[in-house]
C-alpha atoms as a PDB file:
ATOM      1  CA  MET A   1       0.000   0.000   0.000  1.00  0.00           C
ATOM      2  CA  LEU A   2       2.750   2.441   0.971  1.00  0.00           C
ATOM      3  CA  ASP A   3       4.677   1.627  -2.212  1.00  0.00           C
ATOM      4  CA  TYR A   4       1.580   2.479  -4.247  1.00  0.00           C
ATOM      5  CA  LEU A   5       1.139   5.776  -2.407  1.00  0.00           C
ATOM      6  CA  LYS A   6       4.785   6.713  -2.958  1.00  0.00           C
ATOM      7  CA  ASP A   7       4.214   6.499  -6.701  1.00  0.00           C
ATOM      8  CA  LEU A   8       1.359   9.013  -6.632  1.00  0.00           C
ATOM      9  CA  ASN A   9       1.820  12.690  -7.393  1.00  0.00           C
ATOM     10  CA  PRO A  10       2.314  14.666  -4.125  1.00  0.00           C
ATOM     11  CA  VAL A  11      -0.580  16.963  -5.024  1.00  0.00           C
ATOM     12  CA  THR A  12      -2.822  13.914  -5.454  1.00  0.00           C
ATOM     13  CA  LEU A  13      -1.673  12.557  -2.087  1.00  0.00           C
ATOM     14  CA  ALA A  14      -2.354  15.870  -0.372  1.00  0.00           C
ATOM     15  CA  ILE A  15      -5.830  16.079  -1.918  1.00  0.00           C
ATOM     16  CA  LEU A  16      -6.678  12.496  -0.914  1.00  0.00           C
ATOM     17  CA  ALA A  17      -5.433  13.078   2.626  1.00  0.00           C
ATOM     18  CA  THR A  18      -7.422  16.279   3.081  1.00  0.00           C
ATOM     19  CA  LEU A  19     -10.527  14.727   1.540  1.00  0.00           C
ATOM     20  CA  PHE A  20     -10.260  12.276   4.448  1.00  0.00           C
ATOM     21  CA  THR A  21      -9.894  15.098   6.989  1.00  0.00           C
ATOM     22  CA  TRP A  22     -12.812  16.939   5.375  1.00  0.00           C
ATOM     23  CA  GLY A  23     -14.834  13.722   5.556  1.00  0.00           C
ATOM     24  CA  MET A  24     -14.153  13.493   9.289  1.00  0.00           C
ATOM     25  CA  THR A  25     -15.469  17.040   9.700  1.00  0.00           C
ATOM     26  CA  ALA A  26     -18.607  16.009   7.804  1.00  0.00           C
ATOM     27  CA  LEU A  27     -18.944  12.902   9.980  1.00  0.00           C
ATOM     28  CA  GLY A  28     -18.951  15.044  13.098  1.00  0.00           C
ATOM     29  CA  ALA A  29     -21.484  17.437  11.591  1.00  0.00           C
ATOM     30  CA  ALA A  30     -23.693  14.451  10.649  1.00  0.00           C
ATOM     31  CA  LEU A  31     -24.545  13.942  14.332  1.00  0.00           C
ATOM     32  CA  VAL A  32     -27.258  16.558  13.824  1.00  0.00           C
ATOM     33  CA  PHE A  33     -29.275  13.898  11.969  1.00  0.00           C
ATOM     34  CA  THR A  34     -29.472  11.720  15.076  1.00  0.00           C
ATOM     35  CA  GLN A  35     -29.783  14.264  17.899  1.00  0.00           C
ATOM     36  CA  LYS A  36     -30.345  17.943  18.554  1.00  0.00           C
ATOM     37  CA  ASN A  37     -27.994  18.338  21.495  1.00  0.00           C
ATOM     38  CA  VAL A  38     -24.631  16.889  22.449  1.00  0.00           C
ATOM     39  CA  ASN A  39     -23.600  16.621  26.087  1.00  0.00           C
ATOM     40  CA  GLN A  40     -21.439  19.672  26.871  1.00  0.00           C
ATOM     41  CA  LYS A  41     -18.857  17.601  28.730  1.00  0.00           C
ATOM     42  CA  PHE A  42     -18.548  15.310  25.726  1.00  0.00           C
ATOM     43  CA  LEU A  43     -18.071  18.266  23.380  1.00  0.00           C
ATOM     44  CA  ASP A  44     -15.533  19.976  25.667  1.00  0.00           C
ATOM     45  CA  GLY A  45     -13.639  16.725  26.042  1.00  0.00           C
ATOM     46  CA  MET A  46     -13.486  16.284  22.272  1.00  0.00           C
ATOM     47  CA  LEU A  47     -12.252  19.843  21.797  1.00  0.00           C
ATOM     48  CA  GLY A  48      -9.560  19.226  24.402  1.00  0.00           C
ATOM     49  CA  PHE A  49      -8.570  16.039  22.573  1.00  0.00           C
ATOM     50  CA  ALA A  50      -8.390  18.007  19.314  1.00  0.00           C
ATOM     51  CA  GLY A  51      -6.060  20.527  20.944  1.00  0.00           C
ATOM     52  CA  GLY A  52      -3.731  17.764  22.109  1.00  0.00           C
ATOM     53  CA  VAL A  53      -3.577  16.254  18.635  1.00  0.00           C
ATOM     54  CA  MET A  54      -2.734  19.611  17.084  1.00  0.00           C
ATOM     55  CA  ILE A  55       0.032  20.357  19.609  1.00  0.00           C
ATOM     56  CA  ALA A  56       1.689  16.971  19.080  1.00  0.00           C
ATOM     57  CA  ALA A  57       1.366  17.197  15.301  1.00  0.00           C
ATOM     58  CA  SER A  58       2.917  20.658  15.354  1.00  0.00           C
ATOM     59  CA  PHE A  59       6.099  19.314  16.891  1.00  0.00           C
ATOM     60  CA  TRP A  60       6.581  15.768  15.635  1.00  0.00           C
ATOM     61  CA  SER A  61       5.238  16.212  12.112  1.00  0.00           C
ATOM     62  CA  LEU A  62       6.258  19.806  11.432  1.00  0.00           C
ATOM     63  CA  LEU A  63       8.778  21.517  13.719  1.00  0.00           C
ATOM     64  CA  SER A  64      11.088  18.553  14.258  1.00  0.00           C
ATOM     65  CA  PRO A  65      11.471  17.820  10.509  1.00  0.00           C
ATOM     66  CA  ALA A  66      11.966  21.551   9.883  1.00  0.00           C
ATOM     67  CA  ILE A  67      14.889  21.656  12.325  1.00  0.00           C
ATOM     68  CA  ASP A  68      16.421  18.535  10.773  1.00  0.00           C
ATOM     69  CA  MET A  69      16.136  19.978   7.266  1.00  0.00           C
ATOM     70  CA  ALA A  70      17.749  23.259   8.310  1.00  0.00           C
ATOM     71  CA  GLU A  71      20.976  21.496   9.314  1.00  0.00           C
ATOM     72  CA  SER A  72      22.176  21.524   5.704  1.00  0.00           C
ATOM     73  CA  GLY A  73      21.430  25.218   5.217  1.00  0.00           C
ATOM     74  CA  PHE A  74      23.689  28.216   5.680  1.00  0.00           C
ATOM     75  CA  LEU A  75      21.636  29.619   8.585  1.00  0.00           C
ATOM     76  CA  PRO A  76      21.779  28.279  12.156  1.00  0.00           C
ATOM     77  CA  LYS A  77      19.316  25.375  12.188  1.00  0.00           C
ATOM     78  CA  TRP A  78      17.062  27.037  14.746  1.00  0.00           C
ATOM     79  CA  VAL A  79      16.470  30.136  12.596  1.00  0.00           C
ATOM     80  CA  PRO A  80      14.000  28.713  10.016  1.00  0.00           C
ATOM     81  CA  ALA A  81      12.009  26.970  12.763  1.00  0.00           C
ATOM     82  CA  ALA A  82      11.857  30.063  14.971  1.00  0.00           C
ATOM     83  CA  VAL A  83      11.085  32.513  12.155  1.00  0.00           C
ATOM     84  CA  GLY A  84       8.541  30.284  10.439  1.00  0.00           C
ATOM     85  CA  PHE A  85       6.823  29.395  13.720  1.00  0.00           C
ATOM     86  CA  MET A  86       6.384  33.025  14.767  1.00  0.00           C
ATOM     87  CA  LEU A  87       5.244  34.074  11.286  1.00  0.00           C
ATOM     88  CA  GLY A  88       2.574  31.358  11.333  1.00  0.00           C
ATOM     89  CA  GLY A  89       1.209  32.585  14.652  1.00  0.00           C
ATOM     90  CA  LEU A  90       1.361  36.237  13.618  1.00  0.00           C
ATOM     91  CA  PHE A  91      -0.434  35.445  10.353  1.00  0.00           C
ATOM     92  CA  LEU A  92      -3.360  33.823  12.183  1.00  0.00           C
ATOM     93  CA  TRP A  93      -3.363  36.669  14.705  1.00  0.00           C
ATOM     94  CA  GLY A  94      -3.669  39.152  11.841  1.00  0.00           C
ATOM     95  CA  VAL A  95      -6.465  37.152  10.234  1.00  0.00           C
ATOM     96  CA  ASP A  96      -8.293  37.088  13.582  1.00  0.00           C
ATOM     97  CA  LYS A  97      -8.109  40.871  13.779  1.00  0.00           C
ATOM     98  CA  ILE A  98      -9.396  41.342  10.244  1.00  0.00           C
ATOM     99  CA  LEU A  99     -12.159  38.711  10.336  1.00  0.00           C
ATOM    100  CA  PRO A 100     -14.317  38.707  13.481  1.00  0.00           C
ATOM    101  CA  HIS A 101     -15.440  35.278  14.663  1.00  0.00           C
ATOM    102  CA  LEU A 102     -16.642  33.235  17.641  1.00  0.00           C
ATOM    103  CA  HIS A 103     -14.678  30.729  19.675  1.00  0.00           C
ATOM    104  CA  PRO A 104     -15.695  27.104  19.125  1.00  0.00           C
ATOM    105  CA  GLY A 105     -17.769  26.056  22.112  1.00  0.00           C
ATOM    106  CA  SER A 106     -18.998  29.614  22.747  1.00  0.00           C
ATOM    107  CA  SER A 107     -22.513  29.703  24.093  1.00  0.00           C
ATOM    108  CA  MET A 108     -25.077  31.051  21.655  1.00  0.00           C
ATOM    109  CA  ASP A 109     -28.424  32.606  22.493  1.00  0.00           C
ATOM    110  CA  THR A 110     -31.317  30.192  22.090  1.00  0.00           C
ATOM    111  CA  ALA A 111     -34.809  31.094  20.932  1.00  0.00           C
ATOM    112  CA  GLU A 112     -37.394  29.990  18.462  1.00  0.00           C
ATOM    113  CA  GLY A 113     -36.405  30.563  14.834  1.00  0.00           C
ATOM    114  CA  ILE A 114     -33.318  32.385  13.629  1.00  0.00           C
ATOM    115  CA  ASN A 115     -33.204  36.176  13.633  1.00  0.00           C
ATOM    116  CA  PRO A 116     -30.644  38.300  11.753  1.00  0.00           C
ATOM    117  CA  LYS A 117     -28.426  38.562  14.828  1.00  0.00           C
ATOM    118  CA  LYS A 118     -28.317  34.789  15.123  1.00  0.00           C
ATOM    119  CA  LYS A 119     -27.561  34.422  11.461  1.00  0.00           C
ATOM    120  CA  LYS A 120     -24.566  36.680  11.978  1.00  0.00           C
ATOM    121  CA  ARG A 121     -23.409  34.689  15.012  1.00  0.00           C
ATOM    122  CA  SER A 122     -23.813  31.465  13.064  1.00  0.00           C
ATOM    123  CA  THR A 123     -21.674  32.863  10.267  1.00  0.00           C
ATOM    124  CA  LEU A 124     -18.994  33.887  12.762  1.00  0.00           C
ATOM    125  CA  LEU A 125     -18.943  30.404  14.291  1.00  0.00           C
ATOM    126  CA  VAL A 126     -18.560  28.735  10.882  1.00  0.00           C
ATOM    127  CA  LEU A 127     -15.814  31.233  10.053  1.00  0.00           C
ATOM    128  CA  ALA A 128     -13.936  30.371  13.253  1.00  0.00           C
ATOM    129  CA  ILE A 129     -13.731  26.651  12.459  1.00  0.00           C
ATOM    130  CA  THR A 130     -12.950  27.387   8.812  1.00  0.00           C
ATOM    131  CA  LEU A 131      -9.987  29.503   9.926  1.00  0.00           C
ATOM    132  CA  HIS A 132      -8.808  26.550  12.026  1.00  0.00           C
ATOM    133  CA  ASN A 133      -8.806  24.292   9.011  1.00  0.00           C
ATOM    134  CA  ILE A 134      -6.592  26.500   6.841  1.00  0.00           C
ATOM    135  CA  PRO A 135      -3.366  25.788   8.791  1.00  0.00           C
ATOM    136  CA  GLU A 136      -4.380  22.131   9.126  1.00  0.00           C
ATOM    137  CA  GLY A 137      -4.759  21.709   5.367  1.00  0.00           C
ATOM    138  CA  LEU A 138      -1.563  23.675   4.800  1.00  0.00           C
ATOM    139  CA  ALA A 139       0.278  21.394   7.228  1.00  0.00           C
ATOM    140  CA  VAL A 140      -0.826  18.253   5.369  1.00  0.00           C
ATOM    141  CA  GLY A 141       0.149  19.742   2.017  1.00  0.00           C
ATOM    142  CA  VAL A 142       3.577  20.815   3.265  1.00  0.00           C
ATOM    143  CA  ALA A 143       4.164  17.394   4.847  1.00  0.00           C
ATOM    144  CA  PHE A 144       3.487  15.577   1.568  1.00  0.00           C
ATOM    145  CA  GLY A 145       5.536  18.170  -0.289  1.00  0.00           C
ATOM    146  CA  ALA A 146       8.466  17.380   1.998  1.00  0.00           C
ATOM    147  CA  VAL A 147       8.100  13.678   1.151  1.00  0.00           C
ATOM    148  CA  ALA A 148       8.087  14.504  -2.565  1.00  0.00           C
ATOM    149  CA  ALA A 149      11.265  16.514  -2.078  1.00  0.00           C
ATOM    150  CA  GLY A 150      12.970  13.301  -0.943  1.00  0.00           C
ATOM    151  CA  LEU A 151      14.096  14.615   2.428  1.00  0.00           C
ATOM    152  CA  ASP A 152      15.235  11.920   4.858  1.00  0.00           C
ATOM    153  CA  SER A 153      13.475  13.500   7.830  1.00  0.00           C
ATOM    154  CA  SER A 154      10.076  13.321   6.105  1.00  0.00           C
ATOM    155  CA  THR A 155       8.404  10.013   5.283  1.00  0.00           C
ATOM    156  CA  ILE A 156       5.130   8.979   3.720  1.00  0.00           C
ATOM    157  CA  THR A 157       4.105   7.334   6.998  1.00  0.00           C
ATOM    158  CA  SER A 158       4.712  10.470   9.052  1.00  0.00           C
ATOM    159  CA  ALA A 159       2.673  12.518   6.559  1.00  0.00           C
ATOM    160  CA  LEU A 160      -0.113   9.940   6.771  1.00  0.00           C
ATOM    161  CA  ALA A 161       0.069  10.031  10.572  1.00  0.00           C
ATOM    162  CA  LEU A 162      -0.375  13.796  10.444  1.00  0.00           C
ATOM    163  CA  ALA A 163      -3.429  13.447   8.177  1.00  0.00           C
ATOM    164  CA  ILE A 164      -4.930  10.767  10.439  1.00  0.00           C
ATOM    165  CA  GLY A 165      -4.354  12.888  13.541  1.00  0.00           C
ATOM    166  CA  ILE A 166      -5.926  15.966  11.969  1.00  0.00           C
ATOM    167  CA  GLY A 167      -8.817  13.833  10.736  1.00  0.00           C
ATOM    168  CA  ILE A 168      -9.430  12.590  14.285  1.00  0.00           C
ATOM    169  CA  GLN A 169      -9.530  16.099  15.678  1.00  0.00           C
ATOM    170  CA  ASN A 170     -11.755  17.364  12.847  1.00  0.00           C
ATOM    171  CA  PHE A 171     -14.622  15.219  14.109  1.00  0.00           C
ATOM    172  CA  PRO A 172     -15.307  17.421  17.170  1.00  0.00           C
ATOM    173  CA  GLU A 173     -14.890  20.531  15.029  1.00  0.00           C
ATOM    174  CA  GLY A 174     -17.761  19.367  12.808  1.00  0.00           C
ATOM    175  CA  VAL A 175     -19.842  18.808  15.934  1.00  0.00           C
ATOM    176  CA  ALA A 176     -18.853  22.222  17.336  1.00  0.00           C
ATOM    177  CA  VAL A 177     -20.295  23.977  14.280  1.00  0.00           C
ATOM    178  CA  ALA A 178     -23.350  21.900  13.456  1.00  0.00           C
ATOM    179  CA  MET A 179     -24.801  21.408  16.939  1.00  0.00           C
ATOM    180  CA  PRO A 180     -25.083  25.086  17.959  1.00  0.00           C
ATOM    181  CA  LEU A 181     -26.770  25.830  14.629  1.00  0.00           C
ATOM    182  CA  ARG A 182     -29.221  22.992  15.197  1.00  0.00           C
ATOM    183  CA  ARG A 183     -29.950  24.221  18.744  1.00  0.00           C
ATOM    184  CA  GLU A 184     -30.774  27.641  17.290  1.00  0.00           C
ATOM    185  CA  GLY A 185     -33.514  26.084  15.214  1.00  0.00           C
ATOM    186  CA  MET A 186     -31.752  25.676  11.891  1.00  0.00           C
ATOM    187  CA  SER A 187     -32.812  22.576   9.943  1.00  0.00           C
ATOM    188  CA  ARG A 188     -30.760  19.406  10.248  1.00  0.00           C
ATOM    189  CA  LYS A 189     -29.758  19.584   6.598  1.00  0.00           C
ATOM    190  CA  LYS A 190     -28.575  23.189   6.773  1.00  0.00           C
ATOM    191  CA  SER A 191     -26.758  22.593  10.067  1.00  0.00           C
ATOM    192  CA  PHE A 192     -24.928  19.662   8.494  1.00  0.00           C
ATOM    193  CA  MET A 193     -24.072  21.622   5.358  1.00  0.00           C
ATOM    194  CA  TYR A 194     -22.595  24.503   7.355  1.00  0.00           C
ATOM    195  CA  GLY A 195     -20.742  22.081   9.617  1.00  0.00           C
ATOM    196  CA  GLN A 196     -19.057  20.142   6.834  1.00  0.00           C
ATOM    197  CA  PHE A 197     -18.402  23.304   4.834  1.00  0.00           C
ATOM    198  CA  SER A 198     -15.845  24.393   7.429  1.00  0.00           C
ATOM    199  CA  GLY A 199     -13.603  21.508   6.343  1.00  0.00           C
ATOM    200  CA  MET A 200     -13.824  22.320   2.639  1.00  0.00           C
ATOM    201  CA  VAL A 201     -10.876  24.702   2.811  1.00  0.00           C
ATOM    202  CA  GLU A 202      -8.449  21.942   3.788  1.00  0.00           C
ATOM    203  CA  PRO A 203      -7.954  20.439   0.298  1.00  0.00           C
ATOM    204  CA  ILE A 204      -7.480  23.958  -1.096  1.00  0.00           C
ATOM    205  CA  ALA A 205      -4.913  24.876   1.568  1.00  0.00           C
ATOM    206  CA  ALA A 206      -3.169  21.524   1.060  1.00  0.00           C
ATOM    207  CA  ILE A 207      -2.724  22.160  -2.660  1.00  0.00           C
ATOM    208  CA  ILE A 208      -1.219  25.573  -1.924  1.00  0.00           C
ATOM    209  CA  GLY A 209       1.146  24.047   0.634  1.00  0.00           C
ATOM    210  CA  VAL A 210       2.364  21.148  -1.493  1.00  0.00           C
ATOM    211  CA  LEU A 211       2.864  23.295  -4.597  1.00  0.00           C
ATOM    212  CA  ALA A 212       4.767  25.940  -2.643  1.00  0.00           C
ATOM    213  CA  VAL A 213       7.301  23.549  -1.169  1.00  0.00           C
ATOM    214  CA  THR A 214       7.767  21.399  -4.274  1.00  0.00           C
ATOM    215  CA  LEU A 215       8.341  24.417  -6.497  1.00  0.00           C
ATOM    216  CA  ILE A 216      10.488  26.353  -4.006  1.00  0.00           C
ATOM    217  CA  GLN A 217      12.229  23.715  -1.879  1.00  0.00           C
ATOM    218  CA  PRO A 218      14.466  26.125   0.092  1.00  0.00           C
ATOM    219  CA  ILE A 219      11.379  27.487   1.861  1.00  0.00           C
ATOM    220  CA  LEU A 220      10.376  24.031   3.137  1.00  0.00           C
ATOM    221  CA  PRO A 221      11.748  24.405   6.708  1.00  0.00           C
ATOM    222  CA  PHE A 222      10.051  27.795   6.953  1.00  0.00           C
ATOM    223  CA  ALA A 223       6.791  26.389   5.536  1.00  0.00           C
ATOM    224  CA  LEU A 224       6.708  23.471   7.979  1.00  0.00           C
ATOM    225  CA  SER A 225       7.384  25.809  10.890  1.00  0.00           C
ATOM    226  CA  PHE A 226       4.813  28.313   9.608  1.00  0.00           C
ATOM    227  CA  ALA A 227       2.131  25.610   9.623  1.00  0.00           C
ATOM    228  CA  ALA A 228       3.165  24.578  13.142  1.00  0.00           C
ATOM    229  CA  GLY A 229       2.985  28.143  14.425  1.00  0.00           C
ATOM    230  CA  ALA A 230      -0.438  28.660  12.876  1.00  0.00           C
ATOM    231  CA  MET A 231      -1.772  25.471  14.472  1.00  0.00           C
ATOM    232  CA  ILE A 232      -0.366  26.319  17.916  1.00  0.00           C
ATOM    233  CA  PHE A 233      -1.950  29.769  17.702  1.00  0.00           C
ATOM    234  CA  VAL A 234      -5.304  28.173  16.921  1.00  0.00           C
ATOM    235  CA  VAL A 235      -4.963  25.830  19.897  1.00  0.00           C
ATOM    236  CA  ALA A 236      -4.018  28.614  22.333  1.00  0.00           C
ATOM    237  CA  GLU A 237      -6.466  31.206  21.003  1.00  0.00           C
ATOM    238  CA  GLU A 238      -9.491  29.085  20.169  1.00  0.00           C
ATOM    239  CA  VAL A 239      -9.478  25.384  21.004  1.00  0.00           C
ATOM    240  CA  ILE A 240      -8.340  25.410  24.640  1.00  0.00           C
ATOM    241  CA  PRO A 241     -10.476  28.431  25.677  1.00  0.00           C
ATOM    242  CA  GLY A 242     -13.447  26.929  23.810  1.00  0.00           C
ATOM    243  CA  SER A 243     -13.067  23.627  25.653  1.00  0.00           C
ATOM    244  CA  GLN A 244     -13.040  25.316  29.082  1.00  0.00           C
ATOM    245  CA  GLU A 245     -15.694  28.023  28.768  1.00  0.00           C
ATOM    246  CA  GLU A 246     -18.366  25.848  30.396  1.00  0.00           C
ATOM    247  CA  GLY A 247     -16.187  25.032  33.416  1.00  0.00           C
ATOM    248  CA  ASN A 248     -14.970  21.580  32.358  1.00  0.00           C
ATOM    249  CA  LYS A 249     -11.307  22.499  32.809  1.00  0.00           C
ATOM    250  CA  ASP A 250     -10.097  19.231  34.333  1.00  0.00           C
ATOM    251  CA  LEU A 251     -11.832  17.143  31.687  1.00  0.00           C
ATOM    252  CA  ALA A 252     -10.531  19.328  28.862  1.00  0.00           C
ATOM    253  CA  SER A 253      -6.985  19.205  30.243  1.00  0.00           C
ATOM    254  CA  LEU A 254      -6.996  15.410  30.592  1.00  0.00           C
ATOM    255  CA  THR A 255      -8.429  14.866  27.118  1.00  0.00           C
ATOM    256  CA  LEU A 256      -5.871  17.311  25.706  1.00  0.00           C
ATOM    257  CA  MET A 257      -3.114  15.151  27.188  1.00  0.00           C
ATOM    258  CA  THR A 258      -4.823  12.063  25.766  1.00  0.00           C
ATOM    259  CA  GLY A 259      -4.973  13.623  22.296  1.00  0.00           C
ATOM    260  CA  PHE A 260      -1.307  14.605  22.521  1.00  0.00           C
ATOM    261  CA  THR A 261      -0.374  11.043  23.510  1.00  0.00           C
ATOM    262  CA  VAL A 262      -2.417   9.470  20.691  1.00  0.00           C
ATOM    263  CA  MET A 263      -0.872  11.734  18.042  1.00  0.00           C
ATOM    264  CA  MET A 264       2.612  11.192  19.463  1.00  0.00           C
ATOM    265  CA  ILE A 265       2.135   7.414  19.250  1.00  0.00           C
ATOM    266  CA  LEU A 266       0.804   7.684  15.693  1.00  0.00           C
ATOM    267  CA  ASP A 267       3.702   9.788  14.514  1.00  0.00           C
ATOM    268  CA  VAL A 268       6.460   7.880  16.283  1.00  0.00           C
ATOM    269  CA  ALA A 269       5.051   4.414  15.500  1.00  0.00           C
ATOM    270  CA  LEU A 270       4.249   5.155  11.855  1.00  0.00           C
ATOM    271  CA  GLY A 271       7.090   7.590  11.209  1.00  0.00           C
END
């Protein structure tokens, strides 16, 4: 199976991987067809788990390979990782300032029907999760681009582990969008469509990432670190606060550690 995947075009691999992660977002959003509400502790625990996965993926699948790759460059090997990491965080910070949004897990006013104010809040919530998925898709694309570049520190299995980990954490993100919309009175079909739509940007971001690093290989350590910085910013700014807003701090912290452990095992075992 791995030999077959190695023969595929890196863009094709990145698209296939992010179609999987998008599918996991849709699977989470599909819960609206079976129930109107999800237990808040369950949702907060899943968000915490998602944060742990993203933190682990940022280091093992992105930052660590970036540092290894930089050893052959003319700059100190810590420079690309440090610069790229900070640029990724600053980029997401700038996007947050330009595009207003809601934290995932934020409470939303409930009432019969959907008034214009609620429509706006719904749009902001969808936008928040969509913003999360941009660095995730970029990370997958860059990871497969690194494999295509033939770098020893990047393997097809580690790129697959990253895609699997992001797919796992996309499930609660789909829930986090679709369920609040359903609670507001939106139809099941529309709630699902908005929920899965937030993952649609991942294949697009992946294509951008893989093309960038395959066409301009010297930027690869910076690109990997940029994706890591963007994901860590999302975790610190959105995922962790969203998982603890309802007071389930201990649960969210423990599930975050569980998510970190699962992603670490995936990356180390498969990589």
